[in-house]
């Protein structure tokens, strides 16, 4: 595998995967990884058996050394890197326990409670997809990182009067929680000629503090989004209960999400951008349960910033 420094010098990187503990294991032979230029994201492709899906995460670049050219404080970078490696190790262990490929699971860093320096540090450590949950914070951080190729996700409750502001910056919206919002996003994207990707948010816990659709409305929103020329549906988004019970736990909610996703696939997998109904579910506190239930995107905050910044999630 070849890598490229910030200054544009090509480097040869052995085709091995460095674990968080420092040992090496052979990278999966079905993957090829390269950096196309200092200003572009890592691009990954399957050599064989491709189904058109964009891979979720890259354990190799996630464990590249802390950059020596950075102007950011070394302790910040080192702490973030150690935390990232620890989270990746948790994901890999959970994936193996569930007989899954860890490279099918995306670690999506959530930057809602950290400053711009920490956000840029994530970029310098190789993260090219970041998430925010408020329109103003998204605008501020996206503006601060305008010189980069970060692909922004929006994961918070989205009011329709702020939808255009969010869509201007975020390429992926996880929190599409109603038919009305789906319709608004389709209209705005058509007016602006923007192509955007979305997850349809479900509320399976019945908690009033959570937003989200019931299954019937979700199916209607999916049909509406599929007909929209400027929207692509990646899958479903959901959250574990705030106050779990024996009847309503993270495990039960996540497994129900998986069952719904498989049902929607059986009714027409081509309705989804990747040919599969992805699942945006799982955070720092419940990622193992989410991975076990089939999550393809983990929205991780607090465990990334444990000792690297003030006001961690």
C-alpha atoms as a PDB file:
ATOM      1  CA  UNK A   1       0.000   0.000   0.000  1.00  0.00           C
ATOM      2  CA  UNK A   2       1.218   3.491  -0.782  1.00  0.00           C
ATOM      3  CA  UNK A   3       0.694   6.527   1.408  1.00  0.00           C
ATOM      4  CA  UNK A   4       1.263  10.214   0.912  1.00  0.00           C
ATOM      5  CA  UNK A   5       2.533  12.740   3.409  1.00  0.00           C
ATOM      6  CA  UNK A   6       1.046  16.206   3.724  1.00  0.00           C
ATOM      7  CA  UNK A   7       3.950  17.535   1.679  1.00  0.00           C
ATOM      8  CA  UNK A   8       3.016  15.240  -1.220  1.00  0.00           C
ATOM      9  CA  UNK A   9       5.820  12.655  -0.880  1.00  0.00           C
ATOM     10  CA  UNK A  10       4.746   9.107  -1.672  1.00  0.00           C
ATOM     11  CA  UNK A  11       5.565   6.489   0.941  1.00  0.00           C
ATOM     12  CA  UNK A  12       5.420   2.721   0.752  1.00  0.00           C
ATOM     13  CA  UNK A  13       3.425   1.258   3.636  1.00  0.00           C
ATOM     14  CA  UNK A  14       3.574  -2.520   4.168  1.00  0.00           C
ATOM     15  CA  UNK A  15       0.308  -4.310   3.455  1.00  0.00           C
ATOM     16  CA  UNK A  16      -0.176  -5.244   7.066  1.00  0.00           C
ATOM     17  CA  UNK A  17      -2.562  -4.068   9.693  1.00  0.00           C
ATOM     18  CA  UNK A  18      -1.139  -2.686  12.920  1.00  0.00           C
ATOM     19  CA  UNK A  19      -3.277  -3.523  15.901  1.00  0.00           C
ATOM     20  CA  UNK A  20      -3.818  -1.086  18.771  1.00  0.00           C
ATOM     21  CA  UNK A  21      -1.418  -3.198  20.836  1.00  0.00           C
ATOM     22  CA  UNK A  22       1.369  -2.823  18.327  1.00  0.00           C
ATOM     23  CA  UNK A  23       1.336  -6.282  16.754  1.00  0.00           C
ATOM     24  CA  UNK A  24       0.779  -6.746  13.048  1.00  0.00           C
ATOM     25  CA  UNK A  25      -1.608  -8.933  11.131  1.00  0.00           C
ATOM     26  CA  UNK A  26      -2.059  -9.306   7.398  1.00  0.00           C
ATOM     27  CA  UNK A  27      -4.591  -6.928   5.899  1.00  0.00           C
ATOM     28  CA  UNK A  28      -7.534  -8.560   4.118  1.00  0.00           C
ATOM     29  CA  UNK A  29      -6.412  -9.507   0.623  1.00  0.00           C
ATOM     30  CA  UNK A  30      -9.706  -8.369  -0.859  1.00  0.00           C
ATOM     31  CA  UNK A  31      -8.998  -4.693  -0.122  1.00  0.00           C
ATOM     32  CA  UNK A  32      -6.721  -2.185  -1.802  1.00  0.00           C
ATOM     33  CA  UNK A  33      -6.056   1.151  -0.120  1.00  0.00           C
ATOM     34  CA  UNK A  34      -4.312   4.261  -1.415  1.00  0.00           C
ATOM     35  CA  UNK A  35      -4.144   7.963  -0.769  1.00  0.00           C
ATOM     36  CA  UNK A  36      -4.728   9.754  -4.041  1.00  0.00           C
ATOM     37  CA  UNK A  37      -3.306  13.120  -2.969  1.00  0.00           C
ATOM     38  CA  UNK A  38      -2.560  15.084   0.205  1.00  0.00           C
ATOM     39  CA  UNK A  39      -5.879  16.903  -0.111  1.00  0.00           C
ATOM     40  CA  UNK A  40      -8.148  13.950  -0.859  1.00  0.00           C
ATOM     41  CA  UNK A  41      -9.714  11.323   1.321  1.00  0.00           C
ATOM     42  CA  UNK A  42      -8.540   7.755   1.403  1.00  0.00           C
ATOM     43  CA  UNK A  43     -10.219   5.758  -1.328  1.00  0.00           C
ATOM     44  CA  UNK A  44     -10.846   2.058  -0.926  1.00  0.00           C
ATOM     45  CA  UNK A  45     -12.017  -0.501  -3.420  1.00  0.00           C
ATOM     46  CA  UNK A  46     -12.716  -4.211  -3.467  1.00  0.00           C
ATOM     47  CA  UNK A  47     -10.569  -6.187  -5.888  1.00  0.00           C
ATOM     48  CA  UNK A  48     -13.266  -8.797  -6.284  1.00  0.00           C
ATOM     49  CA  UNK A  49     -16.811  -9.536  -5.290  1.00  0.00           C
ATOM     50  CA  UNK A  50     -17.810  -5.860  -5.264  1.00  0.00           C
ATOM     51  CA  UNK A  51     -21.438  -5.063  -4.667  1.00  0.00           C
ATOM     52  CA  UNK A  52     -20.990  -1.332  -5.143  1.00  0.00           C
ATOM     53  CA  UNK A  53     -20.870  -0.503  -1.450  1.00  0.00           C
ATOM     54  CA  UNK A  54     -18.576   2.158  -0.106  1.00  0.00           C
ATOM     55  CA  UNK A  55     -16.533   0.451   2.647  1.00  0.00           C
ATOM     56  CA  UNK A  56     -17.293   1.594   6.144  1.00  0.00           C
ATOM     57  CA  UNK A  57     -13.903   2.120   7.714  1.00  0.00           C
ATOM     58  CA  UNK A  58     -10.223   1.461   7.236  1.00  0.00           C
ATOM     59  CA  UNK A  59      -8.276  -0.113  10.115  1.00  0.00           C
ATOM     60  CA  UNK A  60      -4.994   0.603   8.311  1.00  0.00           C
ATOM     61  CA  UNK A  61      -5.223   4.378   8.025  1.00  0.00           C
ATOM     62  CA  UNK A  62      -6.941   4.524  11.407  1.00  0.00           C
ATOM     63  CA  UNK A  63      -3.661   3.379  12.895  1.00  0.00           C
ATOM     64  CA  UNK A  64      -1.174   5.458  10.960  1.00  0.00           C
ATOM     65  CA  UNK A  65       1.365   7.181  13.249  1.00  0.00           C
ATOM     66  CA  UNK A  66       0.618  10.546  14.819  1.00  0.00           C
ATOM     67  CA  UNK A  67       1.667  13.148  12.197  1.00  0.00           C
ATOM     68  CA  UNK A  68       4.955  14.851  13.013  1.00  0.00           C
ATOM     69  CA  UNK A  69       4.253  17.890  10.811  1.00  0.00           C
ATOM     70  CA  UNK A  70       1.158  19.027  12.708  1.00  0.00           C
ATOM     71  CA  UNK A  71       0.974  22.429  14.395  1.00  0.00           C
ATOM     72  CA  UNK A  72      -1.471  20.998  16.944  1.00  0.00           C
ATOM     73  CA  UNK A  73      -0.267  20.004  20.432  1.00  0.00           C
ATOM     74  CA  UNK A  74       1.330  16.555  20.438  1.00  0.00           C
ATOM     75  CA  UNK A  75      -0.468  15.496  23.659  1.00  0.00           C
ATOM     76  CA  UNK A  76      -3.824  16.191  21.987  1.00  0.00           C
ATOM     77  CA  UNK A  77      -2.932  14.123  18.932  1.00  0.00           C
ATOM     78  CA  UNK A  78      -1.447  11.307  21.005  1.00  0.00           C
ATOM     79  CA  UNK A  79      -4.460  11.133  23.309  1.00  0.00           C
ATOM     80  CA  UNK A  80      -6.899  11.132  20.409  1.00  0.00           C
ATOM     81  CA  UNK A  81      -4.928   8.462  18.585  1.00  0.00           C
ATOM     82  CA  UNK A  82      -4.808   6.229  21.657  1.00  0.00           C
ATOM     83  CA  UNK A  83      -8.553   6.643  22.156  1.00  0.00           C
ATOM     84  CA  UNK A  84      -9.259   5.898  18.496  1.00  0.00           C
ATOM     85  CA  UNK A  85      -7.189   2.758  18.642  1.00  0.00           C
ATOM     86  CA  UNK A  86      -9.010   1.630  21.775  1.00  0.00           C
ATOM     87  CA  UNK A  87     -12.391   2.177  20.106  1.00  0.00           C
ATOM     88  CA  UNK A  88     -11.277   0.337  16.966  1.00  0.00           C
ATOM     89  CA  UNK A  89     -10.138  -2.554  19.150  1.00  0.00           C
ATOM     90  CA  UNK A  90     -13.583  -2.691  20.778  1.00  0.00           C
ATOM     91  CA  UNK A  91     -15.204  -2.692  17.351  1.00  0.00           C
ATOM     92  CA  UNK A  92     -12.931  -5.449  16.069  1.00  0.00           C
ATOM     93  CA  UNK A  93     -13.556  -7.626  19.105  1.00  0.00           C
ATOM     94  CA  UNK A  94     -17.322  -7.083  18.889  1.00  0.00           C
ATOM     95  CA  UNK A  95     -17.280  -7.827  15.165  1.00  0.00           C
ATOM     96  CA  UNK A  96     -15.366 -11.058  15.618  1.00  0.00           C
ATOM     97  CA  UNK A  97     -17.730 -12.126  18.393  1.00  0.00           C
ATOM     98  CA  UNK A  98     -20.615 -11.559  15.971  1.00  0.00           C
ATOM     99  CA  UNK A  99     -18.774 -13.274  13.082  1.00  0.00           C
ATOM    100  CA  UNK A 100     -18.631  -9.996  11.156  1.00  0.00           C
ATOM    101  CA  UNK A 101     -15.929  -8.208   9.170  1.00  0.00           C
ATOM    102  CA  UNK A 102     -14.889  -5.109  11.178  1.00  0.00           C
ATOM    103  CA  UNK A 103     -14.205  -3.216   7.948  1.00  0.00           C
ATOM    104  CA  UNK A 104     -17.951  -3.288   7.275  1.00  0.00           C
ATOM    105  CA  UNK A 105     -18.510  -1.078  10.332  1.00  0.00           C
ATOM    106  CA  UNK A 106     -17.881   2.662  10.183  1.00  0.00           C
ATOM    107  CA  UNK A 107     -16.617   4.597  13.170  1.00  0.00           C
ATOM    108  CA  UNK A 108     -18.171   8.042  12.755  1.00  0.00           C
ATOM    109  CA  UNK A 109     -16.612  10.589  15.152  1.00  0.00           C
ATOM    110  CA  UNK A 110     -19.154  12.978  16.664  1.00  0.00           C
ATOM    111  CA  UNK A 111     -17.633  16.404  17.344  1.00  0.00           C
ATOM    112  CA  UNK A 112     -20.581  18.112  19.030  1.00  0.00           C
ATOM    113  CA  UNK A 113     -18.849  18.733  22.376  1.00  0.00           C
ATOM    114  CA  UNK A 114     -15.262  19.390  21.310  1.00  0.00           C
ATOM    115  CA  UNK A 115     -13.529  22.462  19.948  1.00  0.00           C
ATOM    116  CA  UNK A 116     -12.209  23.186  16.479  1.00  0.00           C
ATOM    117  CA  UNK A 117      -8.655  22.174  17.391  1.00  0.00           C
ATOM    118  CA  UNK A 118      -9.817  18.712  18.403  1.00  0.00           C
ATOM    119  CA  UNK A 119     -11.927  18.477  15.271  1.00  0.00           C
ATOM    120  CA  UNK A 120      -8.923  19.344  13.104  1.00  0.00           C
ATOM    121  CA  UNK A 121      -6.820  16.856  15.044  1.00  0.00           C
ATOM    122  CA  UNK A 122      -9.251  14.112  14.039  1.00  0.00           C
ATOM    123  CA  UNK A 123      -8.746  15.129  10.428  1.00  0.00           C
ATOM    124  CA  UNK A 124      -4.966  15.074  10.770  1.00  0.00           C
ATOM    125  CA  UNK A 125      -5.210  11.577  12.236  1.00  0.00           C
ATOM    126  CA  UNK A 126      -7.011  10.371   9.126  1.00  0.00           C
ATOM    127  CA  UNK A 127     -10.715  10.881   9.828  1.00  0.00           C
ATOM    128  CA  UNK A 128     -12.469  12.099   6.695  1.00  0.00           C
ATOM    129  CA  UNK A 129     -16.082  11.791   7.875  1.00  0.00           C
ATOM    130  CA  UNK A 130     -17.284  13.719  10.935  1.00  0.00           C
ATOM    131  CA  UNK A 131     -20.687  14.334  12.506  1.00  0.00           C
ATOM    132  CA  UNK A 132     -22.423  17.261  14.182  1.00  0.00           C
ATOM    133  CA  UNK A 133     -25.837  17.524  15.825  1.00  0.00           C
ATOM    134  CA  UNK A 134     -26.619  21.264  15.664  1.00  0.00           C
ATOM    135  CA  UNK A 135     -26.899  23.485  12.607  1.00  0.00           C
ATOM    136  CA  UNK A 136     -24.780  26.319  14.022  1.00  0.00           C
ATOM    137  CA  UNK A 137     -22.003  24.005  15.225  1.00  0.00           C
ATOM    138  CA  UNK A 138     -21.989  22.289  11.852  1.00  0.00           C
ATOM    139  CA  UNK A 139     -21.625  25.610  10.045  1.00  0.00           C
ATOM    140  CA  UNK A 140     -18.836  26.810  12.341  1.00  0.00           C
ATOM    141  CA  UNK A 141     -16.755  23.641  12.199  1.00  0.00           C
ATOM    142  CA  UNK A 142     -17.303  23.045   8.513  1.00  0.00           C
ATOM    143  CA  UNK A 143     -16.195  26.619   7.855  1.00  0.00           C
ATOM    144  CA  UNK A 144     -13.105  26.151  10.036  1.00  0.00           C
ATOM    145  CA  UNK A 145     -12.212  23.025   8.044  1.00  0.00           C
ATOM    146  CA  UNK A 146     -13.051  24.467   4.633  1.00  0.00           C
ATOM    147  CA  UNK A 147      -9.465  23.813   3.565  1.00  0.00           C
ATOM    148  CA  UNK A 148      -9.983  20.060   4.011  1.00  0.00           C
ATOM    149  CA  UNK A 149     -12.038  17.357   2.317  1.00  0.00           C
ATOM    150  CA  UNK A 150     -14.087  16.392   5.371  1.00  0.00           C
ATOM    151  CA  UNK A 151     -17.428  14.819   4.520  1.00  0.00           C
ATOM    152  CA  UNK A 152     -19.910  16.060   7.112  1.00  0.00           C
ATOM    153  CA  UNK A 153     -22.810  14.116   8.608  1.00  0.00           C
ATOM    154  CA  UNK A 154     -25.700  15.629  10.548  1.00  0.00           C
ATOM    155  CA  UNK A 155     -27.109  13.450  13.339  1.00  0.00           C
ATOM    156  CA  UNK A 156     -29.252  15.782  15.481  1.00  0.00           C
ATOM    157  CA  UNK A 157     -32.914  16.686  15.338  1.00  0.00           C
ATOM    158  CA  UNK A 158     -33.416  18.739  12.196  1.00  0.00           C
ATOM    159  CA  UNK A 159     -36.062  21.444  12.077  1.00  0.00           C
ATOM    160  CA  UNK A 160     -37.381  22.125   8.605  1.00  0.00           C
ATOM    161  CA  UNK A 161     -36.591  25.852   8.881  1.00  0.00           C
ATOM    162  CA  UNK A 162     -32.906  24.947   9.292  1.00  0.00           C
ATOM    163  CA  UNK A 163     -32.807  22.196   6.687  1.00  0.00           C
ATOM    164  CA  UNK A 164     -31.283  24.300   3.901  1.00  0.00           C
ATOM    165  CA  UNK A 165     -28.472  25.480   6.195  1.00  0.00           C
ATOM    166  CA  UNK A 166     -27.677  21.913   7.177  1.00  0.00           C
ATOM    167  CA  UNK A 167     -27.897  20.511   3.659  1.00  0.00           C
ATOM    168  CA  UNK A 168     -25.459  23.163   2.438  1.00  0.00           C
ATOM    169  CA  UNK A 169     -22.779  21.645   4.673  1.00  0.00           C
ATOM    170  CA  UNK A 170     -23.771  18.046   5.411  1.00  0.00           C
ATOM    171  CA  UNK A 171     -23.678  15.398   2.702  1.00  0.00           C
ATOM    172  CA  UNK A 172     -25.371  12.815   4.926  1.00  0.00           C
ATOM    173  CA  UNK A 173     -28.359  13.385   7.233  1.00  0.00           C
ATOM    174  CA  UNK A 174     -29.014  10.566   9.711  1.00  0.00           C
ATOM    175  CA  UNK A 175     -32.014  12.080  11.472  1.00  0.00           C
ATOM    176  CA  UNK A 176     -34.775  12.175   8.859  1.00  0.00           C
ATOM    177  CA  UNK A 177     -37.591  11.606  11.318  1.00  0.00           C
ATOM    178  CA  UNK A 178     -40.829  12.333   9.437  1.00  0.00           C
ATOM    179  CA  UNK A 179     -42.568  12.341   6.080  1.00  0.00           C
ATOM    180  CA  UNK A 180     -42.689  16.138   6.236  1.00  0.00           C
ATOM    181  CA  UNK A 181     -38.920  16.403   6.671  1.00  0.00           C
ATOM    182  CA  UNK A 182     -38.296  13.871   3.896  1.00  0.00           C
ATOM    183  CA  UNK A 183     -40.425  15.967   1.569  1.00  0.00           C
ATOM    184  CA  UNK A 184     -38.646  19.179   2.599  1.00  0.00           C
ATOM    185  CA  UNK A 185     -35.200  17.678   1.998  1.00  0.00           C
ATOM    186  CA  UNK A 186     -36.247  16.381  -1.409  1.00  0.00           C
ATOM    187  CA  UNK A 187     -37.589  19.814  -2.384  1.00  0.00           C
ATOM    188  CA  UNK A 188     -34.541  21.758  -1.161  1.00  0.00           C
ATOM    189  CA  UNK A 189     -32.061  19.397  -2.794  1.00  0.00           C
ATOM    190  CA  UNK A 190     -33.945  19.664  -6.084  1.00  0.00           C
ATOM    191  CA  UNK A 191     -33.979  23.475  -5.875  1.00  0.00           C
ATOM    192  CA  UNK A 192     -30.249  23.637  -5.114  1.00  0.00           C
ATOM    193  CA  UNK A 193     -29.280  20.680  -7.321  1.00  0.00           C
ATOM    194  CA  UNK A 194     -27.606  18.970  -4.349  1.00  0.00           C
ATOM    195  CA  UNK A 195     -27.206  15.206  -4.098  1.00  0.00           C
ATOM    196  CA  UNK A 196     -27.549  14.083  -0.486  1.00  0.00           C
ATOM    197  CA  UNK A 197     -27.693  10.784   1.384  1.00  0.00           C
ATOM    198  CA  UNK A 198     -30.080  10.095   4.238  1.00  0.00           C
ATOM    199  CA  UNK A 199     -30.988   7.630   6.956  1.00  0.00           C
ATOM    200  CA  UNK A 200     -34.608   7.329   8.056  1.00  0.00           C
ATOM    201  CA  UNK A 201     -34.872   7.680  11.833  1.00  0.00           C
ATOM    202  CA  UNK A 202     -37.093   5.284  13.760  1.00  0.00           C
ATOM    203  CA  UNK A 203     -38.336   5.585  17.329  1.00  0.00           C
ATOM    204  CA  UNK A 204     -38.840   2.038  18.576  1.00  0.00           C
ATOM    205  CA  UNK A 205     -38.635   2.860  22.281  1.00  0.00           C
ATOM    206  CA  UNK A 206     -41.811   4.912  22.513  1.00  0.00           C
ATOM    207  CA  UNK A 207     -39.952   7.584  24.500  1.00  0.00           C
ATOM    208  CA  UNK A 208     -41.397  11.055  23.980  1.00  0.00           C
ATOM    209  CA  UNK A 209     -37.942  12.616  24.332  1.00  0.00           C
ATOM    210  CA  UNK A 210     -36.858  10.873  21.129  1.00  0.00           C
ATOM    211  CA  UNK A 211     -37.782  11.790  17.597  1.00  0.00           C
ATOM    212  CA  UNK A 212     -38.413   9.264  14.879  1.00  0.00           C
ATOM    213  CA  UNK A 213     -41.000   7.488  12.801  1.00  0.00           C
ATOM    214  CA  UNK A 214     -42.985   4.346  13.372  1.00  0.00           C
ATOM    215  CA  UNK A 215     -42.553   1.574  10.823  1.00  0.00           C
ATOM    216  CA  UNK A 216     -45.577   2.499   8.695  1.00  0.00           C
ATOM    217  CA  UNK A 217     -44.520   6.117   8.237  1.00  0.00           C
ATOM    218  CA  UNK A 218     -40.950   4.980   7.614  1.00  0.00           C
ATOM    219  CA  UNK A 219     -42.061   2.852   4.669  1.00  0.00           C
ATOM    220  CA  UNK A 220     -43.961   5.821   3.238  1.00  0.00           C
ATOM    221  CA  UNK A 221     -40.935   8.096   3.700  1.00  0.00           C
ATOM    222  CA  UNK A 222     -38.737   5.515   2.000  1.00  0.00           C
ATOM    223  CA  UNK A 223     -41.063   5.423  -1.006  1.00  0.00           C
ATOM    224  CA  UNK A 224     -41.031   9.233  -1.165  1.00  0.00           C
ATOM    225  CA  UNK A 225     -37.232   9.429  -0.930  1.00  0.00           C
ATOM    226  CA  UNK A 226     -36.747   6.781  -3.606  1.00  0.00           C
ATOM    227  CA  UNK A 227     -38.831   8.870  -6.007  1.00  0.00           C
ATOM    228  CA  UNK A 228     -36.743  11.984  -5.268  1.00  0.00           C
ATOM    229  CA  UNK A 229     -33.977  12.474  -7.821  1.00  0.00           C
ATOM    230  CA  UNK A 230     -31.633  14.167  -5.355  1.00  0.00           C
ATOM    231  CA  UNK A 231     -31.888  11.856  -2.338  1.00  0.00           C
ATOM    232  CA  UNK A 232     -30.286   8.476  -1.774  1.00  0.00           C
ATOM    233  CA  UNK A 233     -31.330   6.331   1.169  1.00  0.00           C
ATOM    234  CA  UNK A 234     -28.496   4.639   3.052  1.00  0.00           C
ATOM    235  CA  UNK A 235     -30.678   2.895   5.624  1.00  0.00           C
ATOM    236  CA  UNK A 236     -32.241   3.311   9.058  1.00  0.00           C
ATOM    237  CA  UNK A 237     -31.115   5.231  12.134  1.00  0.00           C
ATOM    238  CA  UNK A 238     -32.095   4.523  15.714  1.00  0.00           C
ATOM    239  CA  UNK A 239     -31.089   4.880  19.356  1.00  0.00           C
ATOM    240  CA  UNK A 240     -31.181   2.684  22.425  1.00  0.00           C
ATOM    241  CA  UNK A 241     -33.649   3.579  25.201  1.00  0.00           C
ATOM    242  CA  UNK A 242     -32.635   6.244  27.701  1.00  0.00           C
ATOM    243  CA  UNK A 243     -34.005   4.097  30.528  1.00  0.00           C
ATOM    244  CA  UNK A 244     -33.684   0.460  29.442  1.00  0.00           C
ATOM    245  CA  UNK A 245     -35.947  -2.221  30.854  1.00  0.00           C
ATOM    246  CA  UNK A 246     -36.162  -5.977  30.416  1.00  0.00           C
ATOM    247  CA  UNK A 247     -38.758  -5.413  27.701  1.00  0.00           C
ATOM    248  CA  UNK A 248     -36.985  -2.504  25.995  1.00  0.00           C
ATOM    249  CA  UNK A 249     -33.193  -2.735  26.017  1.00  0.00           C
ATOM    250  CA  UNK A 250     -30.437  -1.711  23.631  1.00  0.00           C
ATOM    251  CA  UNK A 251     -30.217  -5.328  22.455  1.00  0.00           C
ATOM    252  CA  UNK A 252     -33.928  -5.607  21.731  1.00  0.00           C
ATOM    253  CA  UNK A 253     -34.171  -2.239  19.970  1.00  0.00           C
ATOM    254  CA  UNK A 254     -31.091  -2.858  17.824  1.00  0.00           C
ATOM    255  CA  UNK A 255     -32.178  -6.365  16.830  1.00  0.00           C
ATOM    256  CA  UNK A 256     -35.630  -5.072  15.908  1.00  0.00           C
ATOM    257  CA  UNK A 257     -33.939  -2.422  13.747  1.00  0.00           C
ATOM    258  CA  UNK A 258     -32.000  -5.178  12.008  1.00  0.00           C
ATOM    259  CA  UNK A 259     -35.147  -7.200  11.378  1.00  0.00           C
ATOM    260  CA  UNK A 260     -36.870  -4.169   9.868  1.00  0.00           C
ATOM    261  CA  UNK A 261     -33.845  -3.470   7.676  1.00  0.00           C
ATOM    262  CA  UNK A 262     -33.811  -7.018   6.346  1.00  0.00           C
ATOM    263  CA  UNK A 263     -37.554  -6.832   5.666  1.00  0.00           C
ATOM    264  CA  UNK A 264     -37.133  -3.590   3.731  1.00  0.00           C
ATOM    265  CA  UNK A 265     -34.310  -5.180   1.744  1.00  0.00           C
ATOM    266  CA  UNK A 266     -36.460  -8.179   0.877  1.00  0.00           C
ATOM    267  CA  UNK A 267     -39.149  -5.801  -0.366  1.00  0.00           C
ATOM    268  CA  UNK A 268     -36.658  -4.097  -2.674  1.00  0.00           C
ATOM    269  CA  UNK A 269     -32.936  -3.778  -1.955  1.00  0.00           C
ATOM    270  CA  UNK A 270     -32.462  -1.543  -4.998  1.00  0.00           C
ATOM    271  CA  UNK A 271     -34.228   1.239  -3.099  1.00  0.00           C
ATOM    272  CA  UNK A 272     -31.054   1.693  -1.042  1.00  0.00           C
ATOM    273  CA  UNK A 273     -27.997   3.504  -2.361  1.00  0.00           C
ATOM    274  CA  UNK A 274     -25.626   0.627  -1.608  1.00  0.00           C
ATOM    275  CA  UNK A 275     -28.000  -2.230  -2.361  1.00  0.00           C
ATOM    276  CA  UNK A 276     -28.228  -2.885   1.375  1.00  0.00           C
ATOM    277  CA  UNK A 277     -30.198  -1.220   4.163  1.00  0.00           C
ATOM    278  CA  UNK A 278     -27.486   0.183   6.415  1.00  0.00           C
ATOM    279  CA  UNK A 279     -27.967   0.722  10.134  1.00  0.00           C
ATOM    280  CA  UNK A 280     -26.768   3.880  11.879  1.00  0.00           C
ATOM    281  CA  UNK A 281     -27.001   2.784  15.499  1.00  0.00           C
ATOM    282  CA  UNK A 282     -24.706   2.488  18.482  1.00  0.00           C
ATOM    283  CA  UNK A 283     -22.696   4.965  20.535  1.00  0.00           C
ATOM    284  CA  UNK A 284     -19.804   4.739  22.997  1.00  0.00           C
ATOM    285  CA  UNK A 285     -21.898   3.103  25.710  1.00  0.00           C
ATOM    286  CA  UNK A 286     -23.571   0.439  23.588  1.00  0.00           C
ATOM    287  CA  UNK A 287     -21.409  -0.185  20.541  1.00  0.00           C
ATOM    288  CA  UNK A 288     -20.979  -3.903  21.298  1.00  0.00           C
ATOM    289  CA  UNK A 289     -24.747  -4.436  21.320  1.00  0.00           C
ATOM    290  CA  UNK A 290     -25.059  -2.438  18.097  1.00  0.00           C
ATOM    291  CA  UNK A 291     -22.323  -4.389  16.316  1.00  0.00           C
ATOM    292  CA  UNK A 292     -23.881  -7.668  17.430  1.00  0.00           C
ATOM    293  CA  UNK A 293     -27.202  -6.531  15.950  1.00  0.00           C
ATOM    294  CA  UNK A 294     -25.713  -5.525  12.593  1.00  0.00           C
ATOM    295  CA  UNK A 295     -24.826  -1.834  12.872  1.00  0.00           C
ATOM    296  CA  UNK A 296     -22.895  -0.468   9.906  1.00  0.00           C
ATOM    297  CA  UNK A 297     -22.286   3.012  11.367  1.00  0.00           C
ATOM    298  CA  UNK A 298     -21.368   3.747  14.990  1.00  0.00           C
ATOM    299  CA  UNK A 299     -21.752   7.361  16.124  1.00  0.00           C
ATOM    300  CA  UNK A 300     -18.934   7.673  18.655  1.00  0.00           C
ATOM    301  CA  UNK A 301     -18.196  10.665  20.868  1.00  0.00           C
ATOM    302  CA  UNK A 302     -17.214  10.347  24.535  1.00  0.00           C
ATOM    303  CA  UNK A 303     -14.795   7.438  24.205  1.00  0.00           C
ATOM    304  CA  UNK A 304     -12.776   9.358  21.608  1.00  0.00           C
ATOM    305  CA  UNK A 305     -12.294  12.389  23.833  1.00  0.00           C
ATOM    306  CA  UNK A 306     -11.920  10.891  27.305  1.00  0.00           C
ATOM    307  CA  UNK A 307      -8.737  12.832  28.130  1.00  0.00           C
ATOM    308  CA  UNK A 308      -8.123  14.872  24.995  1.00  0.00           C
ATOM    309  CA  UNK A 309     -10.423  17.893  25.361  1.00  0.00           C
ATOM    310  CA  UNK A 310     -12.648  19.808  27.698  1.00  0.00           C
ATOM    311  CA  UNK A 311     -16.339  19.071  27.651  1.00  0.00           C
ATOM    312  CA  UNK A 312     -16.258  15.595  26.159  1.00  0.00           C
ATOM    313  CA  UNK A 313     -19.577  14.032  25.238  1.00  0.00           C
END
